[in-house]
């Protein structure tokens, strides 16, 4: 994940710890919204993703807003502006495409309502 964190720092201007948290939040969102059989290979293809996902899941607020708006709210609470939310999400998805393949990520994006407008 260091490669992705550094990429986010250089392309979006977020701090390293914020980038790590944002990656975890995005992966947590995907793990809740995408079909399990599609997200597990993605997590496996991104070394270190499981640790960031686990950290985000431990911080997830029960009863909070879910779905894409809930993820956006969590990202903004982590310190991202609305513009950075979109930039970070695009970079994470681009990185996932590099690691897991276009087809695998395309199926995930297609399976999650509203996600295509952010990526």
C-alpha atoms as a PDB file:
ATOM      1  CA  UNK A   1       0.000   0.000   0.000  1.00  0.00           C
ATOM      2  CA  UNK A   2       2.978   2.314   0.326  1.00  0.00           C
ATOM      3  CA  UNK A   3       2.969   2.780  -3.452  1.00  0.00           C
ATOM      4  CA  UNK A   4      -0.686   3.845  -3.430  1.00  0.00           C
ATOM      5  CA  UNK A   5      -0.260   6.053  -0.362  1.00  0.00           C
ATOM      6  CA  UNK A   6       2.656   7.876  -2.002  1.00  0.00           C
ATOM      7  CA  UNK A   7       0.658   8.220  -5.200  1.00  0.00           C
ATOM      8  CA  UNK A   8      -2.229   9.812  -3.295  1.00  0.00           C
ATOM      9  CA  UNK A   9       0.105  12.154  -1.441  1.00  0.00           C
ATOM     10  CA  UNK A  10       1.716  13.344  -4.670  1.00  0.00           C
ATOM     11  CA  UNK A  11      -1.412  13.550  -6.845  1.00  0.00           C
ATOM     12  CA  UNK A  12      -4.023  14.785  -4.380  1.00  0.00           C
ATOM     13  CA  UNK A  13      -1.989  16.595  -1.731  1.00  0.00           C
ATOM     14  CA  UNK A  14      -3.360  14.630   1.219  1.00  0.00           C
ATOM     15  CA  UNK A  15      -1.091  13.641   4.105  1.00  0.00           C
ATOM     16  CA  UNK A  16       0.092  10.025   4.352  1.00  0.00           C
ATOM     17  CA  UNK A  17      -2.053   9.052   7.366  1.00  0.00           C
ATOM     18  CA  UNK A  18      -5.127  10.620   5.726  1.00  0.00           C
ATOM     19  CA  UNK A  19      -4.387   8.702   2.514  1.00  0.00           C
ATOM     20  CA  UNK A  20      -4.177   5.425   4.456  1.00  0.00           C
ATOM     21  CA  UNK A  21      -7.456   6.138   6.217  1.00  0.00           C
ATOM     22  CA  UNK A  22      -9.134   7.095   2.940  1.00  0.00           C
ATOM     23  CA  UNK A  23      -8.007   3.869   1.261  1.00  0.00           C
ATOM     24  CA  UNK A  24      -9.427   1.878   4.160  1.00  0.00           C
ATOM     25  CA  UNK A  25     -12.749   3.744   4.026  1.00  0.00           C
ATOM     26  CA  UNK A  26     -13.066   3.144   0.281  1.00  0.00           C
ATOM     27  CA  UNK A  27     -12.260  -0.546   0.696  1.00  0.00           C
ATOM     28  CA  UNK A  28     -14.731  -0.798   3.592  1.00  0.00           C
ATOM     29  CA  UNK A  29     -17.418   0.769   1.404  1.00  0.00           C
ATOM     30  CA  UNK A  30     -16.666  -1.671  -1.408  1.00  0.00           C
ATOM     31  CA  UNK A  31     -16.634  -4.650   0.952  1.00  0.00           C
ATOM     32  CA  UNK A  32     -20.142  -3.710   2.119  1.00  0.00           C
ATOM     33  CA  UNK A  33     -21.625  -2.769  -1.250  1.00  0.00           C
ATOM     34  CA  UNK A  34     -19.944  -5.050  -3.814  1.00  0.00           C
ATOM     35  CA  UNK A  35     -20.563  -8.780  -4.131  1.00  0.00           C
ATOM     36  CA  UNK A  36     -18.227 -10.662  -1.789  1.00  0.00           C
ATOM     37  CA  UNK A  37     -16.960 -12.960  -4.536  1.00  0.00           C
ATOM     38  CA  UNK A  38     -15.810  -9.914  -6.497  1.00  0.00           C
ATOM     39  CA  UNK A  39     -14.228  -7.878  -3.695  1.00  0.00           C
ATOM     40  CA  UNK A  40     -12.155 -10.655  -2.086  1.00  0.00           C
ATOM     41  CA  UNK A  41      -9.880 -11.100  -5.138  1.00  0.00           C
ATOM     42  CA  UNK A  42      -9.447  -7.331  -5.335  1.00  0.00           C
ATOM     43  CA  UNK A  43      -8.309  -7.115  -1.710  1.00  0.00           C
ATOM     44  CA  UNK A  44      -5.955 -10.061  -2.278  1.00  0.00           C
ATOM     45  CA  UNK A  45      -4.426  -8.341  -5.336  1.00  0.00           C
ATOM     46  CA  UNK A  46      -3.567  -5.211  -3.346  1.00  0.00           C
ATOM     47  CA  UNK A  47      -0.847  -6.055  -0.783  1.00  0.00           C
ATOM     48  CA  UNK A  48      -1.585  -4.403   2.557  1.00  0.00           C
ATOM     49  CA  UNK A  49      -5.202  -3.647   1.687  1.00  0.00           C
ATOM     50  CA  UNK A  50      -6.515  -6.093   4.265  1.00  0.00           C
ATOM     51  CA  UNK A  51      -4.884  -4.170   7.137  1.00  0.00           C
ATOM     52  CA  UNK A  52      -6.296  -0.816   5.995  1.00  0.00           C
ATOM     53  CA  UNK A  53      -9.708  -2.417   5.485  1.00  0.00           C
ATOM     54  CA  UNK A  54      -9.645  -3.915   8.988  1.00  0.00           C
ATOM     55  CA  UNK A  55      -8.700  -0.540  10.505  1.00  0.00           C
ATOM     56  CA  UNK A  56     -11.549   1.196   8.676  1.00  0.00           C
ATOM     57  CA  UNK A  57     -14.030  -1.491   9.685  1.00  0.00           C
ATOM     58  CA  UNK A  58     -13.045  -1.099  13.342  1.00  0.00           C
ATOM     59  CA  UNK A  59     -13.763   2.657  13.099  1.00  0.00           C
ATOM     60  CA  UNK A  60     -17.045   2.290  11.218  1.00  0.00           C
ATOM     61  CA  UNK A  61     -19.959   3.753  13.138  1.00  0.00           C
ATOM     62  CA  UNK A  62     -22.906   1.414  13.563  1.00  0.00           C
ATOM     63  CA  UNK A  63     -26.159   3.029  12.558  1.00  0.00           C
ATOM     64  CA  UNK A  64     -24.430   5.747  10.546  1.00  0.00           C
ATOM     65  CA  UNK A  65     -25.394   6.682   7.025  1.00  0.00           C
ATOM     66  CA  UNK A  66     -24.503   3.897   4.632  1.00  0.00           C
ATOM     67  CA  UNK A  67     -23.894   3.630   0.933  1.00  0.00           C
ATOM     68  CA  UNK A  68     -21.951   6.026  -1.182  1.00  0.00           C
ATOM     69  CA  UNK A  69     -23.043   9.095   0.805  1.00  0.00           C
ATOM     70  CA  UNK A  70     -21.953   7.472   4.043  1.00  0.00           C
ATOM     71  CA  UNK A  71     -18.535   6.726   2.530  1.00  0.00           C
ATOM     72  CA  UNK A  72     -18.239  10.326   1.265  1.00  0.00           C
ATOM     73  CA  UNK A  73     -19.135  11.639   4.729  1.00  0.00           C
ATOM     74  CA  UNK A  74     -16.520   9.375   6.340  1.00  0.00           C
ATOM     75  CA  UNK A  75     -13.893  10.558   3.845  1.00  0.00           C
ATOM     76  CA  UNK A  76     -14.681  14.209   4.559  1.00  0.00           C
ATOM     77  CA  UNK A  77     -14.602  13.524   8.305  1.00  0.00           C
ATOM     78  CA  UNK A  78     -11.130  12.029   7.761  1.00  0.00           C
ATOM     79  CA  UNK A  79     -10.003  15.403   6.398  1.00  0.00           C
ATOM     80  CA  UNK A  80     -10.658  15.312   2.653  1.00  0.00           C
ATOM     81  CA  UNK A  81     -12.427  18.071   0.765  1.00  0.00           C
ATOM     82  CA  UNK A  82     -15.207  17.092  -1.657  1.00  0.00           C
ATOM     83  CA  UNK A  83     -12.770  17.519  -4.562  1.00  0.00           C
ATOM     84  CA  UNK A  84     -10.212  15.311  -2.823  1.00  0.00           C
ATOM     85  CA  UNK A  85     -12.871  12.655  -2.170  1.00  0.00           C
ATOM     86  CA  UNK A  86     -13.381  12.293  -5.900  1.00  0.00           C
ATOM     87  CA  UNK A  87      -9.659  12.494  -6.737  1.00  0.00           C
ATOM     88  CA  UNK A  88      -8.690   9.952  -4.099  1.00  0.00           C
ATOM     89  CA  UNK A  89     -11.477   7.593  -5.147  1.00  0.00           C
ATOM     90  CA  UNK A  90     -10.394   7.786  -8.787  1.00  0.00           C
ATOM     91  CA  UNK A  91      -6.768   7.084  -7.866  1.00  0.00           C
ATOM     92  CA  UNK A  92      -7.691   4.129  -5.659  1.00  0.00           C
ATOM     93  CA  UNK A  93      -9.836   2.650  -8.432  1.00  0.00           C
ATOM     94  CA  UNK A  94      -7.082   3.250 -11.020  1.00  0.00           C
ATOM     95  CA  UNK A  95      -4.587   1.493  -8.737  1.00  0.00           C
ATOM     96  CA  UNK A  96      -7.027  -1.378  -8.229  1.00  0.00           C
ATOM     97  CA  UNK A  97      -7.346  -1.710 -12.014  1.00  0.00           C
ATOM     98  CA  UNK A  98      -3.553  -1.944 -12.288  1.00  0.00           C
ATOM     99  CA  UNK A  99      -3.367  -4.653  -9.626  1.00  0.00           C
ATOM    100  CA  UNK A 100      -6.556  -6.684 -10.192  1.00  0.00           C
ATOM    101  CA  UNK A 101      -7.350  -5.959 -13.836  1.00  0.00           C
ATOM    102  CA  UNK A 102      -9.841  -3.861 -15.737  1.00  0.00           C
ATOM    103  CA  UNK A 103     -12.490  -6.574 -15.954  1.00  0.00           C
ATOM    104  CA  UNK A 104     -12.495  -7.354 -12.222  1.00  0.00           C
ATOM    105  CA  UNK A 105     -12.729  -3.710 -11.203  1.00  0.00           C
ATOM    106  CA  UNK A 106     -15.287  -2.956 -13.917  1.00  0.00           C
ATOM    107  CA  UNK A 107     -17.542  -5.670 -12.503  1.00  0.00           C
ATOM    108  CA  UNK A 108     -17.237  -4.192  -9.012  1.00  0.00           C
ATOM    109  CA  UNK A 109     -17.944  -0.634 -10.204  1.00  0.00           C
ATOM    110  CA  UNK A 110     -20.912  -1.915 -12.215  1.00  0.00           C
ATOM    111  CA  UNK A 111     -22.302  -3.803  -9.222  1.00  0.00           C
ATOM    112  CA  UNK A 112     -22.283  -0.802  -6.854  1.00  0.00           C
ATOM    113  CA  UNK A 113     -25.095   1.703  -7.531  1.00  0.00           C
ATOM    114  CA  UNK A 114     -23.821   5.251  -8.014  1.00  0.00           C
ATOM    115  CA  UNK A 115     -20.112   4.402  -7.952  1.00  0.00           C
ATOM    116  CA  UNK A 116     -19.550   4.920 -11.674  1.00  0.00           C
ATOM    117  CA  UNK A 117     -20.238   8.661 -11.332  1.00  0.00           C
ATOM    118  CA  UNK A 118     -17.282   8.973  -8.932  1.00  0.00           C
ATOM    119  CA  UNK A 119     -14.772   7.001 -10.972  1.00  0.00           C
END
